[in-house]
N, C-alpha and C. Protein backbone atom coordinates (compact mmCIF):
# COMPACT_ATOMS: atom_id res chain seq x y z
N MET A 1 0.84 -1.17 0.00
CA MET A 1 0.00 0.00 0.00
C MET A 1 0.89 1.24 0.00
N SER A 2 0.57 2.16 -0.88
CA SER A 2 1.34 3.40 -0.91
C SER A 2 0.41 4.57 -0.66
N ALA A 3 0.90 5.51 0.09
CA ALA A 3 0.10 6.70 0.41
C ALA A 3 0.42 7.79 -0.61
N VAL A 4 -0.59 8.52 -0.97
CA VAL A 4 -0.42 9.64 -1.88
C VAL A 4 -0.73 10.90 -1.09
N PHE A 5 0.25 11.78 -1.04
CA PHE A 5 0.04 13.05 -0.33
C PHE A 5 -0.25 14.13 -1.35
N GLU A 6 -1.35 14.81 -1.18
CA GLU A 6 -1.70 15.90 -2.08
C GLU A 6 -1.37 17.22 -1.40
N TYR A 7 -0.59 18.02 -2.10
CA TYR A 7 -0.26 19.35 -1.59
C TYR A 7 -1.45 20.26 -1.80
N PRO A 8 -1.71 21.14 -0.84
CA PRO A 8 -2.82 22.09 -1.04
C PRO A 8 -2.50 23.01 -2.21
N THR A 9 -3.52 23.41 -2.90
CA THR A 9 -3.36 24.27 -4.07
C THR A 9 -3.70 25.70 -3.70
N GLU A 10 -2.90 26.62 -4.19
CA GLU A 10 -3.19 28.03 -3.96
C GLU A 10 -4.35 28.46 -4.84
N THR A 11 -5.12 29.38 -4.31
CA THR A 11 -6.14 30.05 -5.11
C THR A 11 -5.80 31.54 -5.12
N TYR A 12 -6.35 32.24 -6.09
CA TYR A 12 -6.06 33.66 -6.26
C TYR A 12 -7.38 34.42 -6.34
N ARG A 13 -7.41 35.58 -5.69
CA ARG A 13 -8.58 36.43 -5.77
C ARG A 13 -8.16 37.88 -5.57
N LEU A 14 -9.05 38.78 -5.95
CA LEU A 14 -8.77 40.20 -5.77
C LEU A 14 -8.68 40.54 -4.28
N MET A 15 -7.77 41.41 -3.95
CA MET A 15 -7.59 41.88 -2.58
C MET A 15 -8.73 42.83 -2.22
N THR A 16 -9.18 42.77 -0.97
CA THR A 16 -10.16 43.72 -0.45
C THR A 16 -9.58 44.43 0.76
N ALA A 17 -10.24 45.49 1.18
CA ALA A 17 -9.80 46.22 2.37
C ALA A 17 -9.81 45.32 3.61
N HIS A 18 -10.70 44.32 3.63
CA HIS A 18 -10.76 43.39 4.77
C HIS A 18 -9.50 42.51 4.86
N ASP A 19 -8.76 42.39 3.76
CA ASP A 19 -7.54 41.58 3.75
C ASP A 19 -6.34 42.32 4.32
N LEU A 20 -6.44 43.63 4.47
CA LEU A 20 -5.27 44.43 4.81
C LEU A 20 -4.59 44.07 6.13
N PRO A 21 -5.31 43.68 7.20
CA PRO A 21 -4.58 43.29 8.42
C PRO A 21 -3.63 42.10 8.18
N VAL A 22 -4.07 41.11 7.43
CA VAL A 22 -3.20 39.95 7.16
C VAL A 22 -2.09 40.34 6.19
N VAL A 23 -2.44 41.11 5.15
CA VAL A 23 -1.43 41.58 4.20
C VAL A 23 -0.35 42.38 4.93
N MET A 24 -0.77 43.26 5.83
CA MET A 24 0.20 44.08 6.58
C MET A 24 1.07 43.23 7.49
N ASP A 25 0.50 42.19 8.08
CA ASP A 25 1.30 41.29 8.92
C ASP A 25 2.40 40.64 8.09
N ILE A 26 2.05 40.13 6.90
CA ILE A 26 3.05 39.50 6.03
C ILE A 26 4.07 40.54 5.56
N GLU A 27 3.58 41.72 5.16
CA GLU A 27 4.46 42.79 4.68
C GLU A 27 5.48 43.19 5.75
N ASN A 28 5.01 43.36 6.97
CA ASN A 28 5.90 43.79 8.06
C ASN A 28 6.91 42.72 8.45
N ARG A 29 6.54 41.45 8.30
CA ARG A 29 7.50 40.37 8.60
C ARG A 29 8.45 40.11 7.45
N SER A 30 8.15 40.65 6.26
CA SER A 30 8.94 40.36 5.06
C SER A 30 9.98 41.42 4.74
N TYR A 31 9.70 42.66 5.11
CA TYR A 31 10.55 43.76 4.65
C TYR A 31 11.01 44.65 5.79
N GLU A 32 12.23 45.10 5.68
CA GLU A 32 12.77 46.05 6.65
C GLU A 32 12.12 47.43 6.46
N PHE A 33 11.72 47.72 5.22
CA PHE A 33 11.06 48.99 4.90
C PHE A 33 9.74 48.68 4.21
N PRO A 34 8.74 48.28 4.98
CA PRO A 34 7.47 47.82 4.39
C PRO A 34 6.62 48.97 3.86
N TRP A 35 5.73 48.61 2.93
CA TRP A 35 4.69 49.53 2.51
C TRP A 35 3.77 49.78 3.70
N THR A 36 3.06 50.90 3.67
CA THR A 36 2.08 51.19 4.71
C THR A 36 0.71 50.66 4.28
N GLU A 37 -0.18 50.55 5.23
CA GLU A 37 -1.55 50.14 4.91
C GLU A 37 -2.19 51.14 3.95
N GLY A 38 -1.86 52.41 4.12
CA GLY A 38 -2.39 53.44 3.24
C GLY A 38 -1.98 53.24 1.79
N ILE A 39 -0.77 52.78 1.56
CA ILE A 39 -0.31 52.53 0.19
C ILE A 39 -1.15 51.42 -0.44
N PHE A 40 -1.35 50.33 0.29
CA PHE A 40 -2.18 49.23 -0.23
C PHE A 40 -3.61 49.71 -0.49
N TYR A 41 -4.14 50.45 0.44
CA TYR A 41 -5.51 50.94 0.30
C TYR A 41 -5.62 51.84 -0.94
N ASP A 42 -4.66 52.75 -1.10
CA ASP A 42 -4.68 53.64 -2.27
C ASP A 42 -4.56 52.86 -3.57
N CYS A 43 -3.72 51.82 -3.59
CA CYS A 43 -3.59 51.00 -4.79
C CYS A 43 -4.94 50.40 -5.19
N MET A 44 -5.67 49.89 -4.21
CA MET A 44 -6.99 49.33 -4.51
C MET A 44 -7.96 50.43 -4.94
N ARG A 45 -7.92 51.56 -4.24
CA ARG A 45 -8.83 52.67 -4.52
C ARG A 45 -8.62 53.23 -5.93
N PHE A 46 -7.37 53.24 -6.39
CA PHE A 46 -7.06 53.79 -7.71
C PHE A 46 -7.10 52.74 -8.81
N GLY A 47 -7.56 51.54 -8.48
CA GLY A 47 -7.80 50.53 -9.52
C GLY A 47 -6.61 49.69 -9.92
N TYR A 48 -5.54 49.69 -9.12
CA TYR A 48 -4.44 48.79 -9.43
C TYR A 48 -4.92 47.36 -9.23
N SER A 49 -4.37 46.46 -9.99
CA SER A 49 -4.73 45.05 -9.91
C SER A 49 -4.07 44.46 -8.67
N SER A 50 -4.85 44.31 -7.60
CA SER A 50 -4.34 43.89 -6.29
C SER A 50 -4.90 42.52 -5.96
N TRP A 51 -4.03 41.58 -5.64
CA TRP A 51 -4.40 40.17 -5.49
C TRP A 51 -3.89 39.59 -4.19
N VAL A 52 -4.57 38.57 -3.73
CA VAL A 52 -4.05 37.72 -2.65
C VAL A 52 -4.04 36.29 -3.17
N THR A 53 -3.14 35.50 -2.60
CA THR A 53 -3.16 34.07 -2.85
C THR A 53 -3.42 33.40 -1.51
N GLU A 54 -4.23 32.34 -1.56
CA GLU A 54 -4.68 31.67 -0.34
C GLU A 54 -4.48 30.16 -0.46
N ILE A 55 -4.35 29.54 0.68
CA ILE A 55 -4.48 28.09 0.82
C ILE A 55 -5.52 27.87 1.90
N ASP A 56 -6.55 27.12 1.57
CA ASP A 56 -7.64 26.86 2.53
C ASP A 56 -8.18 28.15 3.15
N ARG A 57 -8.34 29.18 2.33
CA ARG A 57 -8.87 30.49 2.73
C ARG A 57 -7.95 31.29 3.65
N ASP A 58 -6.73 30.84 3.84
CA ASP A 58 -5.74 31.60 4.60
C ASP A 58 -4.84 32.34 3.61
N ILE A 59 -4.76 33.66 3.76
CA ILE A 59 -3.91 34.46 2.88
C ILE A 59 -2.45 34.12 3.16
N ILE A 60 -1.72 33.77 2.10
CA ILE A 60 -0.30 33.42 2.23
C ILE A 60 0.59 34.33 1.40
N GLY A 61 -0.01 35.23 0.63
CA GLY A 61 0.77 36.15 -0.17
C GLY A 61 -0.13 37.16 -0.84
N TYR A 62 0.49 38.14 -1.48
CA TYR A 62 -0.26 39.20 -2.13
C TYR A 62 0.61 39.81 -3.22
N ALA A 63 -0.05 40.53 -4.11
CA ALA A 63 0.65 41.22 -5.19
C ALA A 63 -0.15 42.42 -5.63
N VAL A 64 0.56 43.42 -6.14
CA VAL A 64 -0.06 44.62 -6.69
C VAL A 64 0.62 44.91 -8.01
N MET A 65 -0.19 45.13 -9.05
CA MET A 65 0.39 45.50 -10.34
C MET A 65 -0.48 46.56 -11.00
N SER A 66 0.17 47.34 -11.82
CA SER A 66 -0.50 48.38 -12.59
C SER A 66 -0.58 47.89 -14.03
N LEU A 67 -1.76 48.01 -14.62
CA LEU A 67 -1.97 47.60 -16.01
C LEU A 67 -2.54 48.79 -16.78
N ALA A 68 -1.80 49.28 -17.77
CA ALA A 68 -2.28 50.39 -18.58
C ALA A 68 -1.48 50.45 -19.87
N VAL A 69 -2.15 50.81 -20.94
CA VAL A 69 -1.54 51.05 -22.24
C VAL A 69 -0.61 49.90 -22.64
N GLN A 70 -1.12 48.70 -22.60
CA GLN A 70 -0.41 47.47 -22.98
C GLN A 70 0.85 47.20 -22.16
N GLU A 71 0.96 47.83 -20.98
CA GLU A 71 2.11 47.57 -20.10
C GLU A 71 1.62 47.14 -18.73
N CYS A 72 2.39 46.26 -18.13
CA CYS A 72 2.15 45.80 -16.77
C CYS A 72 3.37 46.15 -15.94
N HIS A 73 3.14 46.72 -14.78
CA HIS A 73 4.22 46.99 -13.83
C HIS A 73 3.88 46.25 -12.54
N ILE A 74 4.69 45.27 -12.20
CA ILE A 74 4.51 44.57 -10.93
C ILE A 74 5.16 45.43 -9.86
N LEU A 75 4.34 45.92 -8.95
CA LEU A 75 4.80 46.86 -7.92
C LEU A 75 5.20 46.17 -6.63
N ASN A 76 4.55 45.05 -6.33
CA ASN A 76 4.83 44.33 -5.09
C ASN A 76 4.32 42.91 -5.25
N ILE A 77 5.13 41.96 -4.90
CA ILE A 77 4.72 40.56 -4.85
C ILE A 77 5.44 39.94 -3.66
N CYS A 78 4.68 39.27 -2.81
CA CYS A 78 5.26 38.76 -1.58
C CYS A 78 4.54 37.51 -1.12
N VAL A 79 5.32 36.56 -0.61
CA VAL A 79 4.79 35.34 -0.01
C VAL A 79 5.22 35.33 1.44
N ASP A 80 4.35 34.87 2.31
CA ASP A 80 4.66 34.78 3.74
C ASP A 80 6.05 34.15 3.91
N PRO A 81 6.93 34.80 4.68
CA PRO A 81 8.29 34.27 4.85
C PRO A 81 8.34 32.82 5.34
N LYS A 82 7.32 32.38 6.09
CA LYS A 82 7.30 31.00 6.59
C LYS A 82 7.09 29.99 5.46
N LEU A 83 6.60 30.46 4.31
CA LEU A 83 6.26 29.56 3.21
C LEU A 83 7.13 29.78 1.97
N GLN A 84 8.10 30.65 2.07
CA GLN A 84 8.96 30.91 0.92
C GLN A 84 9.82 29.69 0.60
N GLY A 85 10.24 29.58 -0.64
CA GLY A 85 11.09 28.48 -1.08
C GLY A 85 10.33 27.24 -1.49
N GLN A 86 9.01 27.33 -1.62
CA GLN A 86 8.19 26.17 -1.99
C GLN A 86 7.56 26.31 -3.37
N GLY A 87 7.95 27.33 -4.12
CA GLY A 87 7.41 27.54 -5.45
C GLY A 87 6.14 28.38 -5.49
N ILE A 88 5.68 28.84 -4.34
CA ILE A 88 4.45 29.63 -4.30
C ILE A 88 4.65 30.96 -5.03
N GLY A 89 5.78 31.61 -4.81
CA GLY A 89 6.06 32.88 -5.47
C GLY A 89 6.14 32.72 -6.98
N ARG A 90 6.75 31.65 -7.46
CA ARG A 90 6.83 31.40 -8.90
C ARG A 90 5.43 31.20 -9.49
N ARG A 91 4.62 30.39 -8.82
CA ARG A 91 3.26 30.17 -9.33
C ARG A 91 2.44 31.45 -9.31
N PHE A 92 2.64 32.27 -8.29
CA PHE A 92 1.93 33.55 -8.20
C PHE A 92 2.39 34.47 -9.33
N LEU A 93 3.69 34.54 -9.56
CA LEU A 93 4.21 35.35 -10.66
C LEU A 93 3.61 34.91 -11.99
N LEU A 94 3.56 33.62 -12.24
CA LEU A 94 3.00 33.11 -13.49
C LEU A 94 1.52 33.46 -13.61
N GLU A 95 0.80 33.44 -12.50
CA GLU A 95 -0.61 33.85 -12.50
C GLU A 95 -0.73 35.33 -12.86
N LEU A 96 0.12 36.17 -12.29
CA LEU A 96 0.10 37.59 -12.61
C LEU A 96 0.40 37.83 -14.09
N LEU A 97 1.38 37.11 -14.62
CA LEU A 97 1.72 37.25 -16.04
C LEU A 97 0.55 36.82 -16.92
N SER A 98 -0.16 35.79 -16.49
CA SER A 98 -1.34 35.32 -17.23
C SER A 98 -2.44 36.38 -17.21
N ILE A 99 -2.64 37.02 -16.07
CA ILE A 99 -3.64 38.08 -15.95
C ILE A 99 -3.25 39.25 -16.86
N ALA A 100 -1.98 39.63 -16.82
CA ALA A 100 -1.51 40.74 -17.66
C ALA A 100 -1.70 40.42 -19.14
N GLN A 101 -1.39 39.21 -19.51
CA GLN A 101 -1.54 38.78 -20.90
C GLN A 101 -3.01 38.81 -21.32
N ALA A 102 -3.89 38.34 -20.44
CA ALA A 102 -5.33 38.35 -20.73
C ALA A 102 -5.85 39.77 -20.89
N ARG A 103 -5.21 40.71 -20.23
CA ARG A 103 -5.61 42.13 -20.34
C ARG A 103 -4.82 42.85 -21.42
N GLU A 104 -4.20 42.06 -22.31
CA GLU A 104 -3.53 42.54 -23.51
C GLU A 104 -2.28 43.37 -23.26
N ALA A 105 -1.58 43.10 -22.15
CA ALA A 105 -0.29 43.74 -21.93
C ALA A 105 0.74 43.10 -22.86
N ASP A 106 1.59 43.93 -23.44
CA ASP A 106 2.66 43.44 -24.31
C ASP A 106 3.94 43.19 -23.53
N ASN A 107 4.15 43.99 -22.49
CA ASN A 107 5.39 43.92 -21.71
C ASN A 107 5.08 44.02 -20.23
N VAL A 108 5.97 43.46 -19.43
CA VAL A 108 5.86 43.56 -17.98
C VAL A 108 7.20 44.05 -17.44
N PHE A 109 7.12 44.95 -16.46
CA PHE A 109 8.31 45.55 -15.87
C PHE A 109 8.21 45.47 -14.35
N LEU A 110 9.36 45.51 -13.70
CA LEU A 110 9.40 45.57 -12.25
C LEU A 110 10.77 46.04 -11.81
N GLU A 111 10.85 46.49 -10.56
CA GLU A 111 12.12 46.84 -9.94
C GLU A 111 12.37 45.87 -8.80
N VAL A 112 13.64 45.57 -8.58
CA VAL A 112 14.03 44.68 -7.49
C VAL A 112 15.38 45.14 -6.94
N ARG A 113 15.55 44.94 -5.65
CA ARG A 113 16.83 45.28 -5.04
C ARG A 113 17.91 44.33 -5.57
N PRO A 114 19.10 44.82 -5.88
CA PRO A 114 20.17 43.91 -6.30
C PRO A 114 20.57 42.94 -5.18
N SER A 115 20.30 43.31 -3.94
CA SER A 115 20.62 42.42 -2.81
C SER A 115 19.60 41.29 -2.67
N ASN A 116 18.48 41.36 -3.37
CA ASN A 116 17.45 40.33 -3.28
C ASN A 116 17.74 39.24 -4.33
N VAL A 117 18.76 38.45 -4.04
CA VAL A 117 19.25 37.47 -5.01
C VAL A 117 18.23 36.38 -5.31
N HIS A 118 17.40 36.02 -4.36
CA HIS A 118 16.38 35.00 -4.61
C HIS A 118 15.34 35.51 -5.61
N ALA A 119 14.90 36.75 -5.44
CA ALA A 119 13.93 37.32 -6.39
C ALA A 119 14.56 37.46 -7.77
N LEU A 120 15.79 37.96 -7.83
CA LEU A 120 16.46 38.09 -9.13
C LEU A 120 16.57 36.74 -9.83
N SER A 121 16.93 35.72 -9.09
CA SER A 121 17.03 34.38 -9.67
C SER A 121 15.69 33.92 -10.23
N LEU A 122 14.62 34.14 -9.47
CA LEU A 122 13.28 33.77 -9.94
C LEU A 122 12.94 34.51 -11.23
N TYR A 123 13.12 35.82 -11.24
CA TYR A 123 12.74 36.60 -12.41
C TYR A 123 13.57 36.21 -13.64
N PHE A 124 14.87 36.05 -13.47
CA PHE A 124 15.71 35.65 -14.60
C PHE A 124 15.29 34.27 -15.12
N SER A 125 14.95 33.36 -14.22
CA SER A 125 14.56 32.01 -14.65
C SER A 125 13.21 32.01 -15.38
N GLU A 126 12.42 33.07 -15.20
CA GLU A 126 11.14 33.18 -15.88
C GLU A 126 11.21 34.11 -17.10
N GLY A 127 12.44 34.40 -17.55
CA GLY A 127 12.60 35.11 -18.82
C GLY A 127 12.70 36.61 -18.74
N PHE A 128 12.81 37.17 -17.53
CA PHE A 128 13.01 38.61 -17.41
C PHE A 128 14.46 38.95 -17.75
N ASN A 129 14.66 40.15 -18.25
CA ASN A 129 16.00 40.64 -18.57
C ASN A 129 16.23 41.97 -17.88
N GLU A 130 17.48 42.21 -17.50
CA GLU A 130 17.83 43.49 -16.91
C GLU A 130 17.85 44.54 -18.01
N ILE A 131 17.09 45.61 -17.80
CA ILE A 131 17.02 46.65 -18.83
C ILE A 131 17.49 48.01 -18.33
N GLY A 132 17.84 48.09 -17.06
CA GLY A 132 18.32 49.36 -16.53
C GLY A 132 18.42 49.33 -15.02
N SER A 133 18.63 50.51 -14.46
CA SER A 133 18.69 50.62 -13.00
C SER A 133 18.17 51.99 -12.59
N ARG A 134 17.77 52.08 -11.35
CA ARG A 134 17.35 53.36 -10.77
C ARG A 134 18.24 53.61 -9.56
N ARG A 135 18.98 54.69 -9.63
CA ARG A 135 19.93 55.02 -8.58
C ARG A 135 19.18 55.45 -7.31
N ASP A 136 19.63 54.91 -6.17
CA ASP A 136 19.10 55.28 -4.84
C ASP A 136 17.59 55.14 -4.75
N TYR A 137 17.04 54.11 -5.34
CA TYR A 137 15.59 53.91 -5.42
C TYR A 137 14.98 53.47 -4.09
N TYR A 138 15.66 52.56 -3.40
CA TYR A 138 15.10 51.96 -2.17
C TYR A 138 15.76 52.53 -0.93
N PRO A 139 14.99 52.69 0.16
CA PRO A 139 15.64 53.01 1.44
C PRO A 139 16.45 51.80 1.90
N ALA A 140 17.54 52.06 2.58
CA ALA A 140 18.40 50.99 3.10
C ALA A 140 18.84 51.37 4.50
N LYS A 141 19.37 50.41 5.20
CA LYS A 141 19.78 50.64 6.59
C LYS A 141 20.78 51.80 6.69
N PHE A 142 21.69 51.86 5.74
CA PHE A 142 22.71 52.91 5.74
C PHE A 142 22.64 53.67 4.42
N GLY A 143 21.58 54.47 4.24
CA GLY A 143 21.45 55.27 3.02
C GLY A 143 20.38 54.73 2.09
N ARG A 144 20.75 54.52 0.84
CA ARG A 144 19.83 54.09 -0.20
C ARG A 144 20.44 52.93 -0.97
N GLU A 145 19.57 52.18 -1.66
CA GLU A 145 20.01 51.08 -2.51
C GLU A 145 19.39 51.27 -3.89
N ASP A 146 20.19 50.99 -4.91
CA ASP A 146 19.69 51.08 -6.28
C ASP A 146 18.64 50.02 -6.53
N ALA A 147 17.92 50.16 -7.63
CA ALA A 147 16.97 49.16 -8.09
C ALA A 147 17.45 48.65 -9.44
N VAL A 148 17.29 47.36 -9.64
CA VAL A 148 17.50 46.76 -10.95
C VAL A 148 16.14 46.75 -11.64
N ILE A 149 16.08 47.29 -12.86
CA ILE A 149 14.84 47.29 -13.63
C ILE A 149 14.85 46.06 -14.53
N LEU A 150 13.80 45.27 -14.43
CA LEU A 150 13.68 44.07 -15.25
C LEU A 150 12.46 44.20 -16.16
N GLY A 151 12.56 43.59 -17.32
CA GLY A 151 11.44 43.60 -18.26
C GLY A 151 11.33 42.28 -18.98
N LYS A 152 10.13 42.04 -19.48
CA LYS A 152 9.86 40.82 -20.23
C LYS A 152 8.74 41.11 -21.21
N ALA A 153 8.93 40.64 -22.45
CA ALA A 153 7.86 40.72 -23.44
C ALA A 153 6.93 39.55 -23.22
N LEU A 154 5.63 39.82 -23.29
CA LEU A 154 4.64 38.77 -23.13
C LEU A 154 4.22 38.24 -24.50
N PRO A 155 4.05 36.93 -24.62
CA PRO A 155 3.62 36.39 -25.91
C PRO A 155 2.19 36.82 -26.24
N LYS A 156 1.91 36.92 -27.51
CA LYS A 156 0.57 37.31 -27.96
C LYS A 156 -0.37 36.13 -27.85
């Protein structure tokens, strides 16, 4: 007799204001310089594509992207630090790219800290290319940190 273990599957849905306490908990545990609740609220209020990913109705990650004029800008994507390294972020990224493609985006862009080697590795493995940098873009413990700008063309 052999046992088959089924891994729970993530689901994706639009973020609501009711999700913000959990989103903020994950954000504050994930980043030294987290977004504020007001930033998330404004993103939803101004129509940015804001998502959560869940397992068994428990929020385990979130993302915010801007979609306009055939371009997608991923502004924030995060998975609960307790669950990182299990492919959840990759699957979430692929879901976001699928949403952008369905909304007729031709290209997707994002910024990432050069010190975030895990994120860079993920993005490069999914076909993103470095297209530039932004000097002193991110706050850092001792001053500022540049941003690496990544881009990817989406298939038609």
